[in-house]
Amino acid sequence: MKLGKILIILLLLFIHCGDSNEYIQNVYVDIEIDLSLPEFSTLNTVGNSMFLEGGNKGIIIYNFSNYEYKIYDRNCSYEPSLSCSYIDSINSSIAFCGCCSSAFLLDQNGSAANSPAILPLKQYNYNLNNTILYIYN
């Protein structure tokens, strides 16, 4: 009887921990942009950022330092399955989610700066070849 209770508790924990709605979904990302084009000129200044289409709910490109970028998914890490759960504004190097009021530090690997989010933003890989920025996962 005791073993049965333990198995039931373990099963309930396993089912709860496996809820995929609590995590940012993996989607295929393969984007190439030319930083020399006028529409991307803002990204040539350190500390600037911009939104792009792609990823789950969009992509954030942040110019971290000369020739170094940080690329994030706009999907907020707190309850990411909600339709409103995305980064909707950036002030300097801090990204804000209007849905839950979480803030994320773009210059520190997207780490959460306040509650309710505790997980960082999802980050993407990139390569920079002259003026071509290639974003992928």
C-alpha atoms as a PDB file:
ATOM      1  CA  MET A   1       0.000   0.000   0.000  1.00  0.00           C
ATOM      2  CA  LYS A   2       2.837   2.379   0.883  1.00  0.00           C
ATOM      3  CA  LEU A   3       4.565   1.617  -2.425  1.00  0.00           C
ATOM      4  CA  GLY A   4       1.328   2.402  -4.280  1.00  0.00           C
ATOM      5  CA  LYS A   5       1.091   5.852  -2.668  1.00  0.00           C
ATOM      6  CA  ILE A   6       4.699   6.605  -3.548  1.00  0.00           C
ATOM      7  CA  LEU A   7       4.126   5.574  -7.172  1.00  0.00           C
ATOM      8  CA  ILE A   8       1.042   7.778  -7.421  1.00  0.00           C
ATOM      9  CA  ILE A   9       2.925  10.781  -6.017  1.00  0.00           C
ATOM     10  CA  LEU A  10       5.822  10.219  -8.429  1.00  0.00           C
ATOM     11  CA  LEU A  11       3.416   9.883 -11.342  1.00  0.00           C
ATOM     12  CA  LEU A  12       1.668  13.151 -10.422  1.00  0.00           C
ATOM     13  CA  LEU A  13       5.019  14.937 -10.163  1.00  0.00           C
ATOM     14  CA  PHE A  14       6.113  13.547 -13.527  1.00  0.00           C
ATOM     15  CA  ILE A  15       2.905  14.637 -15.243  1.00  0.00           C
ATOM     16  CA  HIS A  16       3.115  18.144 -13.754  1.00  0.00           C
ATOM     17  CA  CYS A  17       6.791  18.596 -14.650  1.00  0.00           C
ATOM     18  CA  GLY A  18       6.166  17.510 -18.216  1.00  0.00           C
ATOM     19  CA  ASP A  19       3.724  20.331 -19.010  1.00  0.00           C
ATOM     20  CA  SER A  20       5.072  21.770 -22.271  1.00  0.00           C
ATOM     21  CA  ASN A  21       2.921  24.906 -21.961  1.00  0.00           C
ATOM     22  CA  GLU A  22       5.312  26.288 -19.342  1.00  0.00           C
ATOM     23  CA  TYR A  23       8.295  26.486 -21.699  1.00  0.00           C
ATOM     24  CA  ILE A  24       9.128  28.511 -24.774  1.00  0.00           C
ATOM     25  CA  GLN A  25       8.640  26.209 -27.724  1.00  0.00           C
ATOM     26  CA  ASN A  26      11.518  25.423 -30.062  1.00  0.00           C
ATOM     27  CA  VAL A  27      10.935  26.722 -33.574  1.00  0.00           C
ATOM     28  CA  TYR A  28      13.218  26.720 -36.598  1.00  0.00           C
ATOM     29  CA  VAL A  29      15.095  29.998 -37.039  1.00  0.00           C
ATOM     30  CA  ASP A  30      17.199  30.742 -40.115  1.00  0.00           C
ATOM     31  CA  ILE A  31      17.413  34.483 -40.793  1.00  0.00           C
ATOM     32  CA  GLU A  32      19.980  36.492 -42.725  1.00  0.00           C
ATOM     33  CA  ILE A  33      20.068  40.294 -42.591  1.00  0.00           C
ATOM     34  CA  ASP A  34      22.414  42.816 -44.153  1.00  0.00           C
ATOM     35  CA  LEU A  35      23.398  45.372 -41.517  1.00  0.00           C
ATOM     36  CA  SER A  36      24.473  47.816 -44.250  1.00  0.00           C
ATOM     37  CA  LEU A  37      20.845  48.286 -45.373  1.00  0.00           C
ATOM     38  CA  PRO A  38      19.132  51.479 -44.104  1.00  0.00           C
ATOM     39  CA  GLU A  39      16.371  49.598 -42.247  1.00  0.00           C
ATOM     40  CA  PHE A  40      19.009  47.952 -40.018  1.00  0.00           C
ATOM     41  CA  SER A  41      21.238  51.008 -39.508  1.00  0.00           C
ATOM     42  CA  THR A  42      20.103  51.379 -35.890  1.00  0.00           C
ATOM     43  CA  LEU A  43      21.882  48.104 -35.103  1.00  0.00           C
ATOM     44  CA  ASN A  44      25.259  49.615 -35.987  1.00  0.00           C
ATOM     45  CA  THR A  45      25.305  51.544 -32.681  1.00  0.00           C
ATOM     46  CA  VAL A  46      26.268  49.796 -29.430  1.00  0.00           C
ATOM     47  CA  GLY A  47      23.301  49.595 -27.049  1.00  0.00           C
ATOM     48  CA  ASN A  48      20.634  49.807 -29.749  1.00  0.00           C
ATOM     49  CA  SER A  49      18.125  47.077 -30.466  1.00  0.00           C
ATOM     50  CA  MET A  50      15.279  46.252 -32.795  1.00  0.00           C
ATOM     51  CA  PHE A  51      12.483  43.734 -33.293  1.00  0.00           C
ATOM     52  CA  LEU A  52      12.377  41.307 -36.223  1.00  0.00           C
ATOM     53  CA  GLU A  53       9.827  38.770 -37.401  1.00  0.00           C
ATOM     54  CA  GLY A  54      10.673  35.136 -36.667  1.00  0.00           C
ATOM     55  CA  GLY A  55      11.049  32.828 -33.702  1.00  0.00           C
ATOM     56  CA  ASN A  56       7.978  32.249 -31.551  1.00  0.00           C
ATOM     57  CA  LYS A  57       6.651  35.779 -31.143  1.00  0.00           C
ATOM     58  CA  GLY A  58       9.412  37.706 -32.844  1.00  0.00           C
ATOM     59  CA  ILE A  59      13.124  38.260 -32.369  1.00  0.00           C
ATOM     60  CA  ILE A  60      15.107  40.926 -30.538  1.00  0.00           C
ATOM     61  CA  ILE A  61      18.538  41.901 -31.876  1.00  0.00           C
ATOM     62  CA  TYR A  62      20.651  43.838 -29.369  1.00  0.00           C
ATOM     63  CA  ASN A  63      24.053  45.370 -30.239  1.00  0.00           C
ATOM     64  CA  PHE A  64      26.056  44.362 -27.176  1.00  0.00           C
ATOM     65  CA  SER A  65      29.438  45.740 -28.252  1.00  0.00           C
ATOM     66  CA  ASN A  66      31.369  46.348 -31.461  1.00  0.00           C
ATOM     67  CA  TYR A  67      30.675  43.374 -33.733  1.00  0.00           C
ATOM     68  CA  GLU A  68      28.962  41.453 -30.918  1.00  0.00           C
ATOM     69  CA  TYR A  69      25.203  40.931 -30.783  1.00  0.00           C
ATOM     70  CA  LYS A  70      22.754  39.214 -28.476  1.00  0.00           C
ATOM     71  CA  ILE A  71      19.742  37.639 -30.151  1.00  0.00           C
ATOM     72  CA  TYR A  72      16.612  36.722 -28.168  1.00  0.00           C
ATOM     73  CA  ASP A  73      13.112  35.435 -28.775  1.00  0.00           C
ATOM     74  CA  ARG A  74      10.455  38.039 -27.896  1.00  0.00           C
ATOM     75  CA  ASN A  75       8.425  35.364 -26.078  1.00  0.00           C
ATOM     76  CA  CYS A  76       8.386  36.165 -22.343  1.00  0.00           C
ATOM     77  CA  SER A  77       9.635  33.293 -20.180  1.00  0.00           C
ATOM     78  CA  TYR A  78       6.759  33.693 -17.703  1.00  0.00           C
ATOM     79  CA  GLU A  79       3.681  31.798 -18.918  1.00  0.00           C
ATOM     80  CA  PRO A  80       4.935  31.856 -22.525  1.00  0.00           C
ATOM     81  CA  SER A  81       1.805  30.145 -23.879  1.00  0.00           C
ATOM     82  CA  LEU A  82      -0.336  33.261 -23.232  1.00  0.00           C
ATOM     83  CA  SER A  83      -0.974  35.276 -26.393  1.00  0.00           C
ATOM     84  CA  CYS A  84       0.071  38.515 -24.640  1.00  0.00           C
ATOM     85  CA  SER A  85       3.311  37.039 -23.268  1.00  0.00           C
ATOM     86  CA  TYR A  86       5.935  38.818 -25.371  1.00  0.00           C
ATOM     87  CA  ILE A  87       8.438  41.648 -25.092  1.00  0.00           C
ATOM     88  CA  ASP A  88       6.683  44.787 -26.269  1.00  0.00           C
ATOM     89  CA  SER A  89       9.164  47.525 -25.353  1.00  0.00           C
ATOM     90  CA  ILE A  90      12.846  48.108 -24.713  1.00  0.00           C
ATOM     91  CA  ASN A  91      14.346  50.977 -22.744  1.00  0.00           C
ATOM     92  CA  SER A  92      18.134  51.073 -23.067  1.00  0.00           C
ATOM     93  CA  SER A  93      19.203  47.484 -22.348  1.00  0.00           C
ATOM     94  CA  ILE A  94      16.053  46.441 -20.444  1.00  0.00           C
ATOM     95  CA  ALA A  95      13.242  44.577 -22.219  1.00  0.00           C
ATOM     96  CA  PHE A  96       9.713  44.664 -20.793  1.00  0.00           C
ATOM     97  CA  CYS A  97       6.744  42.322 -21.063  1.00  0.00           C
ATOM     98  CA  GLY A  98       3.491  44.299 -20.891  1.00  0.00           C
ATOM     99  CA  CYS A  99       1.523  41.159 -20.064  1.00  0.00           C
ATOM    100  CA  CYS A 100       3.165  40.274 -16.728  1.00  0.00           C
ATOM    101  CA  SER A 101       5.412  43.322 -16.058  1.00  0.00           C
ATOM    102  CA  SER A 102       8.595  41.237 -16.108  1.00  0.00           C
ATOM    103  CA  ALA A 103      11.841  42.903 -17.157  1.00  0.00           C
ATOM    104  CA  PHE A 104      14.899  41.290 -18.737  1.00  0.00           C
ATOM    105  CA  LEU A 105      18.501  42.474 -18.991  1.00  0.00           C
ATOM    106  CA  LEU A 106      19.565  42.276 -22.627  1.00  0.00           C
ATOM    107  CA  ASP A 107      23.207  42.962 -21.811  1.00  0.00           C
ATOM    108  CA  GLN A 108      23.292  40.070 -19.320  1.00  0.00           C
ATOM    109  CA  ASN A 109      22.126  37.130 -21.435  1.00  0.00           C
ATOM    110  CA  GLY A 110      18.442  38.045 -21.112  1.00  0.00           C
ATOM    111  CA  SER A 111      18.268  37.256 -17.387  1.00  0.00           C
ATOM    112  CA  ALA A 112      15.084  38.197 -15.552  1.00  0.00           C
ATOM    113  CA  ALA A 113      15.432  41.438 -13.593  1.00  0.00           C
ATOM    114  CA  ASN A 114      12.158  41.192 -11.657  1.00  0.00           C
ATOM    115  CA  SER A 115       9.207  38.926 -10.933  1.00  0.00           C
ATOM    116  CA  PRO A 116       7.166  37.134 -11.897  1.00  0.00           C
ATOM    117  CA  ALA A 117       9.615  35.806 -14.528  1.00  0.00           C
ATOM    118  CA  ILE A 118      12.597  33.925 -13.162  1.00  0.00           C
ATOM    119  CA  LEU A 119      13.908  32.308 -16.345  1.00  0.00           C
ATOM    120  CA  PRO A 120      15.909  34.273 -18.935  1.00  0.00           C
ATOM    121  CA  LEU A 121      14.760  35.001 -22.468  1.00  0.00           C
ATOM    122  CA  LYS A 122      15.459  32.311 -25.034  1.00  0.00           C
ATOM    123  CA  GLN A 123      18.664  33.096 -26.904  1.00  0.00           C
ATOM    124  CA  TYR A 124      19.599  32.313 -30.515  1.00  0.00           C
ATOM    125  CA  ASN A 125      22.980  31.788 -32.148  1.00  0.00           C
ATOM    126  CA  TYR A 126      24.451  34.081 -34.761  1.00  0.00           C
ATOM    127  CA  ASN A 127      27.406  34.532 -37.094  1.00  0.00           C
ATOM    128  CA  LEU A 128      28.608  37.878 -38.402  1.00  0.00           C
ATOM    129  CA  ASN A 129      30.378  37.905 -41.760  1.00  0.00           C
ATOM    130  CA  ASN A 130      31.271  41.490 -42.738  1.00  0.00           C
ATOM    131  CA  THR A 131      27.835  43.120 -42.733  1.00  0.00           C
ATOM    132  CA  ILE A 132      25.746  39.937 -42.955  1.00  0.00           C
ATOM    133  CA  LEU A 133      24.218  38.799 -39.669  1.00  0.00           C
ATOM    134  CA  TYR A 134      23.057  35.182 -39.813  1.00  0.00           C
ATOM    135  CA  ILE A 135      20.657  34.137 -36.979  1.00  0.00           C
ATOM    136  CA  TYR A 136      19.953  30.462 -36.370  1.00  0.00           C
ATOM    137  CA  ASN A 137      19.285  27.769 -33.793  1.00  0.00           C
END
